[in-house]
Amino acid sequence: MDEQHLEGWVPEQIIEKDGEIGILTAAYSAKELNVDAGDRVVFMHELNGWSWCELESTGECGWIPNEYLSTER
C-alpha cells in the first residue's frame, strides 16, 4: 500500500467536514509511544484521554494513555 493511502485513526475534532470530504485542520500522528514504568517523559498536549509526550532518554515522541502517566517523582 503506498504512503498516500495509509489507514489510521484521526480525532474527529481536527477534521473539518465538507460534504463527503474531510480536511485536517492540524497535523496529526497516530503513533503510540512504547514506555516502561519509571521512564520520564515530557508532556506536550492532551487529546481524548491520551497525552502526546517525548521520551527523555531518546527524544522519541508519541501518544501515551493518560491512565499510565503520573506526576509523582
PDB file of N, CA and C in Angstrom:
ATOM      1  N   MET A   1       0.848  -1.172   0.000  1.00  0.00           N
ATOM      2  CA  MET A   1       0.000   0.000   0.000  1.00  0.00           C
ATOM      3  C   MET A   1       0.896   1.239   0.000  1.00  0.00           C
ATOM      4  N   ASP A   2       0.639   2.208  -0.872  1.00  0.00           N
ATOM      5  CA  ASP A   2       1.514   3.378  -0.917  1.00  0.00           C
ATOM      6  C   ASP A   2       1.194   4.341   0.214  1.00  0.00           C
ATOM      7  N   GLU A   3       2.172   5.206   0.551  1.00  0.00           N
ATOM      8  CA  GLU A   3       2.036   6.099   1.706  1.00  0.00           C
ATOM      9  C   GLU A   3       0.851   7.045   1.604  1.00  0.00           C
ATOM     10  N   GLN A   4       0.387   7.344   0.423  1.00  0.00           N
ATOM     11  CA  GLN A   4      -0.729   8.270   0.252  1.00  0.00           C
ATOM     12  C   GLN A   4      -2.046   7.664   0.703  1.00  0.00           C
ATOM     13  N   HIS A   5      -2.110   6.346   0.896  1.00  0.00           N
ATOM     14  CA  HIS A   5      -3.375   5.683   1.210  1.00  0.00           C
ATOM     15  C   HIS A   5      -3.295   4.834   2.478  1.00  0.00           C
ATOM     16  N   LEU A   6      -2.496   5.266   3.447  1.00  0.00           N
ATOM     17  CA  LEU A   6      -2.413   4.546   4.710  1.00  0.00           C
ATOM     18  C   LEU A   6      -3.697   4.748   5.498  1.00  0.00           C
ATOM     19  N   GLU A   7      -4.088   3.720   6.227  1.00  0.00           N
ATOM     20  CA  GLU A   7      -5.278   3.810   7.059  1.00  0.00           C
ATOM     21  C   GLU A   7      -4.862   4.098   8.493  1.00  0.00           C
ATOM     22  N   GLY A   8      -5.732   4.760   9.246  1.00  0.00           N
ATOM     23  CA  GLY A   8      -5.452   5.058  10.638  1.00  0.00           C
ATOM     24  C   GLY A   8      -6.581   5.862  11.244  1.00  0.00           C
ATOM     25  N   TRP A   9      -6.453   6.123  12.520  1.00  0.00           N
ATOM     26  CA  TRP A   9      -7.471   6.831  13.266  1.00  0.00           C
ATOM     27  C   TRP A   9      -7.056   8.291  13.410  1.00  0.00           C
ATOM     28  N   VAL A  10      -7.987   9.208  13.182  1.00  0.00           N
ATOM     29  CA  VAL A  10      -7.745  10.640  13.352  1.00  0.00           C
ATOM     30  C   VAL A  10      -8.886  11.201  14.203  1.00  0.00           C
ATOM     31  N   PRO A  11      -8.578  12.001  15.238  1.00  0.00           N
ATOM     32  CA  PRO A  11      -9.633  12.561  16.083  1.00  0.00           C
ATOM     33  C   PRO A  11     -10.585  13.446  15.279  1.00  0.00           C
ATOM     34  N   GLU A  12     -11.857  13.263  15.516  1.00  0.00           N
ATOM     35  CA  GLU A  12     -12.882  13.999  14.780  1.00  0.00           C
ATOM     36  C   GLU A  12     -12.728  15.513  14.932  1.00  0.00           C
ATOM     37  N   GLN A  13     -12.273  15.964  16.124  1.00  0.00           N
ATOM     38  CA  GLN A  13     -12.210  17.407  16.334  1.00  0.00           C
ATOM     39  C   GLN A  13     -11.146  18.119  15.495  1.00  0.00           C
ATOM     40  N   ILE A  14     -10.271  17.391  14.785  1.00  0.00           N
ATOM     41  CA  ILE A  14      -9.329  18.070  13.888  1.00  0.00           C
ATOM     42  C   ILE A  14      -9.682  17.841  12.413  1.00  0.00           C
ATOM     43  N   ILE A  15     -10.909  17.387  12.168  1.00  0.00           N
ATOM     44  CA  ILE A  15     -11.378  17.205  10.795  1.00  0.00           C
ATOM     45  C   ILE A  15     -12.511  18.185  10.526  1.00  0.00           C
ATOM     46  N   GLU A  16     -12.329  18.995   9.501  1.00  0.00           N
ATOM     47  CA  GLU A  16     -13.387  19.893   9.045  1.00  0.00           C
ATOM     48  C   GLU A  16     -14.109  19.178   7.916  1.00  0.00           C
ATOM     49  N   LYS A  17     -15.395  18.947   8.080  1.00  0.00           N
ATOM     50  CA  LYS A  17     -16.160  18.193   7.094  1.00  0.00           C
ATOM     51  C   LYS A  17     -16.697  19.116   6.015  1.00  0.00           C
ATOM     52  N   ASP A  18     -16.536  18.682   4.765  1.00  0.00           N
ATOM     53  CA  ASP A  18     -17.038  19.401   3.595  1.00  0.00           C
ATOM     54  C   ASP A  18     -17.737  18.372   2.714  1.00  0.00           C
ATOM     55  N   GLY A  19     -19.003  18.096   3.056  1.00  0.00           N
ATOM     56  CA  GLY A  19     -19.734  17.050   2.346  1.00  0.00           C
ATOM     57  C   GLY A  19     -19.116  15.696   2.628  1.00  0.00           C
ATOM     58  N   GLU A  20     -18.686  15.008   1.592  1.00  0.00           N
ATOM     59  CA  GLU A  20     -18.061  13.681   1.712  1.00  0.00           C
ATOM     60  C   GLU A  20     -16.555  13.773   1.970  1.00  0.00           C
ATOM     61  N   ILE A  21     -16.015  14.977   1.977  1.00  0.00           N
ATOM     62  CA  ILE A  21     -14.573  15.192   2.119  1.00  0.00           C
ATOM     63  C   ILE A  21     -14.265  15.666   3.529  1.00  0.00           C
ATOM     64  N   GLY A  22     -13.147  15.204   4.087  1.00  0.00           N
ATOM     65  CA  GLY A  22     -12.654  15.688   5.365  1.00  0.00           C
ATOM     66  C   GLY A  22     -11.340  16.407   5.166  1.00  0.00           C
ATOM     67  N   ILE A  23     -11.201  17.576   5.758  1.00  0.00           N
ATOM     68  CA  ILE A  23      -9.979  18.365   5.644  1.00  0.00           C
ATOM     69  C   ILE A  23      -9.387  18.507   7.040  1.00  0.00           C
ATOM     70  N   LEU A  24      -8.126  18.074   7.205  1.00  0.00           N
ATOM     71  CA  LEU A  24      -7.474  18.180   8.511  1.00  0.00           C
ATOM     72  C   LEU A  24      -7.162  19.630   8.834  1.00  0.00           C
ATOM     73  N   THR A  25      -7.441  20.034  10.060  1.00  0.00           N
ATOM     74  CA  THR A  25      -7.168  21.399  10.500  1.00  0.00           C
ATOM     75  C   THR A  25      -5.878  21.489  11.306  1.00  0.00           C
ATOM     76  N   ALA A  26      -5.227  20.345  11.566  1.00  0.00           N
ATOM     77  CA  ALA A  26      -3.966  20.301  12.312  1.00  0.00           C
ATOM     78  C   ALA A  26      -3.198  19.051  11.890  1.00  0.00           C
ATOM     79  N   ALA A  27      -1.895  19.121  12.009  1.00  0.00           N
ATOM     80  CA  ALA A  27      -1.073  17.940  11.748  1.00  0.00           C
ATOM     81  C   ALA A  27      -1.375  16.894  12.822  1.00  0.00           C
ATOM     82  N   TYR A  28      -1.313  15.612  12.455  1.00  0.00           N
ATOM     83  CA  TYR A  28      -1.629  14.557  13.416  1.00  0.00           C
ATOM     84  C   TYR A  28      -0.845  13.293  13.101  1.00  0.00           C
ATOM     85  N   SER A  29      -0.335  12.653  14.134  1.00  0.00           N
ATOM     86  CA  SER A  29       0.290  11.345  14.039  1.00  0.00           C
ATOM     87  C   SER A  29      -0.419  10.422  15.021  1.00  0.00           C
ATOM     88  N   ALA A  30      -0.712   9.202  14.609  1.00  0.00           N
ATOM     89  CA  ALA A  30      -1.370   8.234  15.486  1.00  0.00           C
ATOM     90  C   ALA A  30      -0.348   7.351  16.209  1.00  0.00           C
ATOM     91  N   LYS A  31       0.925   7.727  16.194  1.00  0.00           N
ATOM     92  CA  LYS A  31       1.990   6.906  16.774  1.00  0.00           C
ATOM     93  C   LYS A  31       1.854   6.801  18.289  1.00  0.00           C
ATOM     94  N   GLU A  32       1.825   5.580  18.769  1.00  0.00           N
ATOM     95  CA  GLU A  32       1.827   5.336  20.208  1.00  0.00           C
ATOM     96  C   GLU A  32       3.274   5.175  20.666  1.00  0.00           C
ATOM     97  N   LEU A  33       3.581   5.676  21.863  1.00  0.00           N
ATOM     98  CA  LEU A  33       4.934   5.637  22.401  1.00  0.00           C
ATOM     99  C   LEU A  33       5.068   4.459  23.359  1.00  0.00           C
ATOM    100  N   ASN A  34       6.030   3.590  23.095  1.00  0.00           N
ATOM    101  CA  ASN A  34       6.304   2.475  23.998  1.00  0.00           C
ATOM    102  C   ASN A  34       7.157   2.979  25.152  1.00  0.00           C
ATOM    103  N   VAL A  35       6.665   2.774  26.365  1.00  0.00           N
ATOM    104  CA  VAL A  35       7.375   3.221  27.563  1.00  0.00           C
ATOM    105  C   VAL A  35       7.349   2.122  28.618  1.00  0.00           C
ATOM    106  N   ASP A  36       8.289   2.220  29.551  1.00  0.00           N
ATOM    107  CA  ASP A  36       8.345   1.295  30.682  1.00  0.00           C
ATOM    108  C   ASP A  36       8.088   2.071  31.964  1.00  0.00           C
ATOM    109  N   ALA A  37       7.625   1.377  33.000  1.00  0.00           N
ATOM    110  CA  ALA A  37       7.417   2.011  34.303  1.00  0.00           C
ATOM    111  C   ALA A  37       8.710   2.702  34.720  1.00  0.00           C
ATOM    112  N   GLY A  38       8.604   3.929  35.175  1.00  0.00           N
ATOM    113  CA  GLY A  38       9.760   4.693  35.615  1.00  0.00           C
ATOM    114  C   GLY A  38      10.370   5.585  34.544  1.00  0.00           C
ATOM    115  N   ASP A  39      10.007   5.378  33.266  1.00  0.00           N
ATOM    116  CA  ASP A  39      10.506   6.266  32.215  1.00  0.00           C
ATOM    117  C   ASP A  39      10.020   7.680  32.468  1.00  0.00           C
ATOM    118  N   ARG A  40      10.859   8.650  32.138  1.00  0.00           N
ATOM    119  CA  ARG A  40      10.484  10.059  32.280  1.00  0.00           C
ATOM    120  C   ARG A  40      10.118  10.588  30.900  1.00  0.00           C
ATOM    121  N   VAL A  41       8.988  11.300  30.850  1.00  0.00           N
ATOM    122  CA  VAL A  41       8.521  11.867  29.588  1.00  0.00           C
ATOM    123  C   VAL A  41       8.209  13.351  29.783  1.00  0.00           C
ATOM    124  N   VAL A  42       8.274  14.086  28.682  1.00  0.00           N
ATOM    125  CA  VAL A  42       7.904  15.497  28.678  1.00  0.00           C
ATOM    126  C   VAL A  42       6.526  15.589  28.026  1.00  0.00           C
ATOM    127  N   PHE A  43       5.551  16.100  28.775  1.00  0.00           N
ATOM    128  CA  PHE A  43       4.187  16.256  28.291  1.00  0.00           C
ATOM    129  C   PHE A  43       4.128  17.403  27.289  1.00  0.00           C
ATOM    130  N   MET A  44       3.450  17.181  26.144  1.00  0.00           N
ATOM    131  CA  MET A  44       3.293  18.227  25.126  1.00  0.00           C
ATOM    132  C   MET A  44       1.837  18.712  25.077  1.00  0.00           C
ATOM    133  N   HIS A  45       0.887  17.791  24.866  1.00  0.00           N
ATOM    134  CA  HIS A  45      -0.534  18.145  24.902  1.00  0.00           C
ATOM    135  C   HIS A  45      -1.397  16.893  25.031  1.00  0.00           C
ATOM    136  N   GLU A  46      -2.674  17.120  25.376  1.00  0.00           N
ATOM    137  CA  GLU A  46      -3.619  16.032  25.652  1.00  0.00           C
ATOM    138  C   GLU A  46      -4.785  16.115  24.673  1.00  0.00           C
ATOM    139  N   LEU A  47      -5.286  14.932  24.283  1.00  0.00           N
ATOM    140  CA  LEU A  47      -6.439  14.856  23.394  1.00  0.00           C
ATOM    141  C   LEU A  47      -7.142  13.529  23.621  1.00  0.00           C
ATOM    142  N   ASN A  48      -8.406  13.583  23.975  1.00  0.00           N
ATOM    143  CA  ASN A  48      -9.244  12.380  24.094  1.00  0.00           C
ATOM    144  C   ASN A  48      -8.678  11.322  25.039  1.00  0.00           C
ATOM    145  N   GLY A  49      -8.139  11.749  26.174  1.00  0.00           N
ATOM    146  CA  GLY A  49      -7.648  10.791  27.163  1.00  0.00           C
ATOM    147  C   GLY A  49      -6.251  10.259  26.883  1.00  0.00           C
ATOM    148  N   TRP A  50      -5.561  10.841  25.910  1.00  0.00           N
ATOM    149  CA  TRP A  50      -4.184  10.463  25.583  1.00  0.00           C
ATOM    150  C   TRP A  50      -3.313  11.703  25.644  1.00  0.00           C
ATOM    151  N   SER A  51      -2.027  11.528  25.970  1.00  0.00           N
ATOM    152  CA  SER A  51      -1.091  12.652  26.000  1.00  0.00           C
ATOM    153  C   SER A  51       0.032  12.420  24.996  1.00  0.00           C
ATOM    154  N   TRP A  52       0.346  13.468  24.225  1.00  0.00           N
ATOM    155  CA  TRP A  52       1.487  13.432  23.305  1.00  0.00           C
ATOM    156  C   TRP A  52       2.705  13.801  24.139  1.00  0.00           C
ATOM    157  N   CYS A  53       3.682  12.893  24.194  1.00  0.00           N
ATOM    158  CA  CYS A  53       4.834  13.064  25.071  1.00  0.00           C
ATOM    159  C   CYS A  53       6.124  12.769  24.325  1.00  0.00           C
ATOM    160  N   GLU A  54       7.217  13.284  24.885  1.00  0.00           N
ATOM    161  CA  GLU A  54       8.559  12.990  24.388  1.00  0.00           C
ATOM    162  C   GLU A  54       9.289  12.185  25.455  1.00  0.00           C
ATOM    163  N   LEU A  55       9.838  11.040  25.080  1.00  0.00           N
ATOM    164  CA  LEU A  55      10.604  10.198  25.994  1.00  0.00           C
ATOM    165  C   LEU A  55      11.961  10.864  26.218  1.00  0.00           C
ATOM    166  N   GLU A  56      12.264  11.243  27.468  1.00  0.00           N
ATOM    167  CA  GLU A  56      13.502  11.977  27.763  1.00  0.00           C
ATOM    168  C   GLU A  56      14.750  11.248  27.312  1.00  0.00           C
ATOM    169  N   SER A  57      14.795   9.930  27.457  1.00  0.00           N
ATOM    170  CA  SER A  57      16.019   9.178  27.174  1.00  0.00           C
ATOM    171  C   SER A  57      16.354   9.088  25.686  1.00  0.00           C
ATOM    172  N   THR A  58      15.345   9.193  24.809  1.00  0.00           N
ATOM    173  CA  THR A  58      15.600   9.011  23.378  1.00  0.00           C
ATOM    174  C   THR A  58      15.146  10.175  22.509  1.00  0.00           C
ATOM    175  N   GLY A  59      14.270  11.032  23.045  1.00  0.00           N
ATOM    176  CA  GLY A  59      13.708  12.111  22.246  1.00  0.00           C
ATOM    177  C   GLY A  59      12.562  11.665  21.358  1.00  0.00           C
ATOM    178  N   GLU A  60      12.215  10.383  21.423  1.00  0.00           N
ATOM    179  CA  GLU A  60      11.115   9.841  20.616  1.00  0.00           C
ATOM    180  C   GLU A  60       9.787  10.378  21.148  1.00  0.00           C
ATOM    181  N   CYS A  61       8.857  10.677  20.228  1.00  0.00           N
ATOM    182  CA  CYS A  61       7.553  11.212  20.619  1.00  0.00           C
ATOM    183  C   CYS A  61       6.430  10.262  20.215  1.00  0.00           C
ATOM    184  N   GLY A  62       5.335  10.328  20.953  1.00  0.00           N
ATOM    185  CA  GLY A  62       4.151   9.532  20.629  1.00  0.00           C
ATOM    186  C   GLY A  62       3.094   9.702  21.705  1.00  0.00           C
ATOM    187  N   TRP A  63       1.972   9.025  21.492  1.00  0.00           N
ATOM    188  CA  TRP A  63       0.832   9.091  22.410  1.00  0.00           C
ATOM    189  C   TRP A  63       0.952   8.047  23.508  1.00  0.00           C
ATOM    190  N   ILE A  64       0.576   8.443  24.731  1.00  0.00           N
ATOM    191  CA  ILE A  64       0.515   7.549  25.885  1.00  0.00           C
ATOM    192  C   ILE A  64      -0.862   7.732  26.518  1.00  0.00           C
ATOM    193  N   PRO A  65      -1.565   6.617  26.844  1.00  0.00           N
ATOM    194  CA  PRO A  65      -2.851   6.773  27.537  1.00  0.00           C
ATOM    195  C   PRO A  65      -2.638   7.491  28.868  1.00  0.00           C
ATOM    196  N   ASN A  66      -3.499   8.453  29.168  1.00  0.00           N
ATOM    197  CA  ASN A  66      -3.344   9.244  30.401  1.00  0.00           C
ATOM    198  C   ASN A  66      -3.313   8.394  31.663  1.00  0.00           C
ATOM    199  N   GLU A  67      -4.021   7.262  31.670  1.00  0.00           N
ATOM    200  CA  GLU A  67      -4.041   6.447  32.894  1.00  0.00           C
ATOM    201  C   GLU A  67      -2.689   5.842  33.220  1.00  0.00           C
ATOM    202  N   TYR A  68      -1.722   5.878  32.287  1.00  0.00           N
ATOM    203  CA  TYR A  68      -0.379   5.352  32.542  1.00  0.00           C
ATOM    204  C   TYR A  68       0.598   6.427  32.976  1.00  0.00           C
ATOM    205  N   LEU A  69       0.154   7.667  33.055  1.00  0.00           N
ATOM    206  CA  LEU A  69       1.039   8.773  33.431  1.00  0.00           C
ATOM    207  C   LEU A  69       0.869   9.134  34.898  1.00  0.00           C
ATOM    208  N   SER A  70       1.954   9.572  35.508  1.00  0.00           N
ATOM    209  CA  SER A  70       1.927  10.018  36.891  1.00  0.00           C
ATOM    210  C   SER A  70       2.817  11.247  37.018  1.00  0.00           C
ATOM    211  N   THR A  71       2.442  12.159  37.899  1.00  0.00           N
ATOM    212  CA  THR A  71       3.270  13.325  38.149  1.00  0.00           C
ATOM    213  C   THR A  71       4.199  13.095  39.345  1.00  0.00           C
ATOM    214  N   GLU A  72       4.113  11.909  39.957  1.00  0.00           N
ATOM    215  CA  GLU A  72       4.973  11.587  41.100  1.00  0.00           C
ATOM    216  C   GLU A  72       6.394  11.374  40.613  1.00  0.00           C
ATOM    217  N   ARG A  73       7.356  11.685  41.491  1.00  0.00           N
ATOM    218  CA  ARG A  73       8.766  11.509  41.127  1.00  0.00           C
ATOM    219  C   ARG A  73       9.364  10.377  41.885  1.00  0.00           C
TER     220      ARG A  73
END
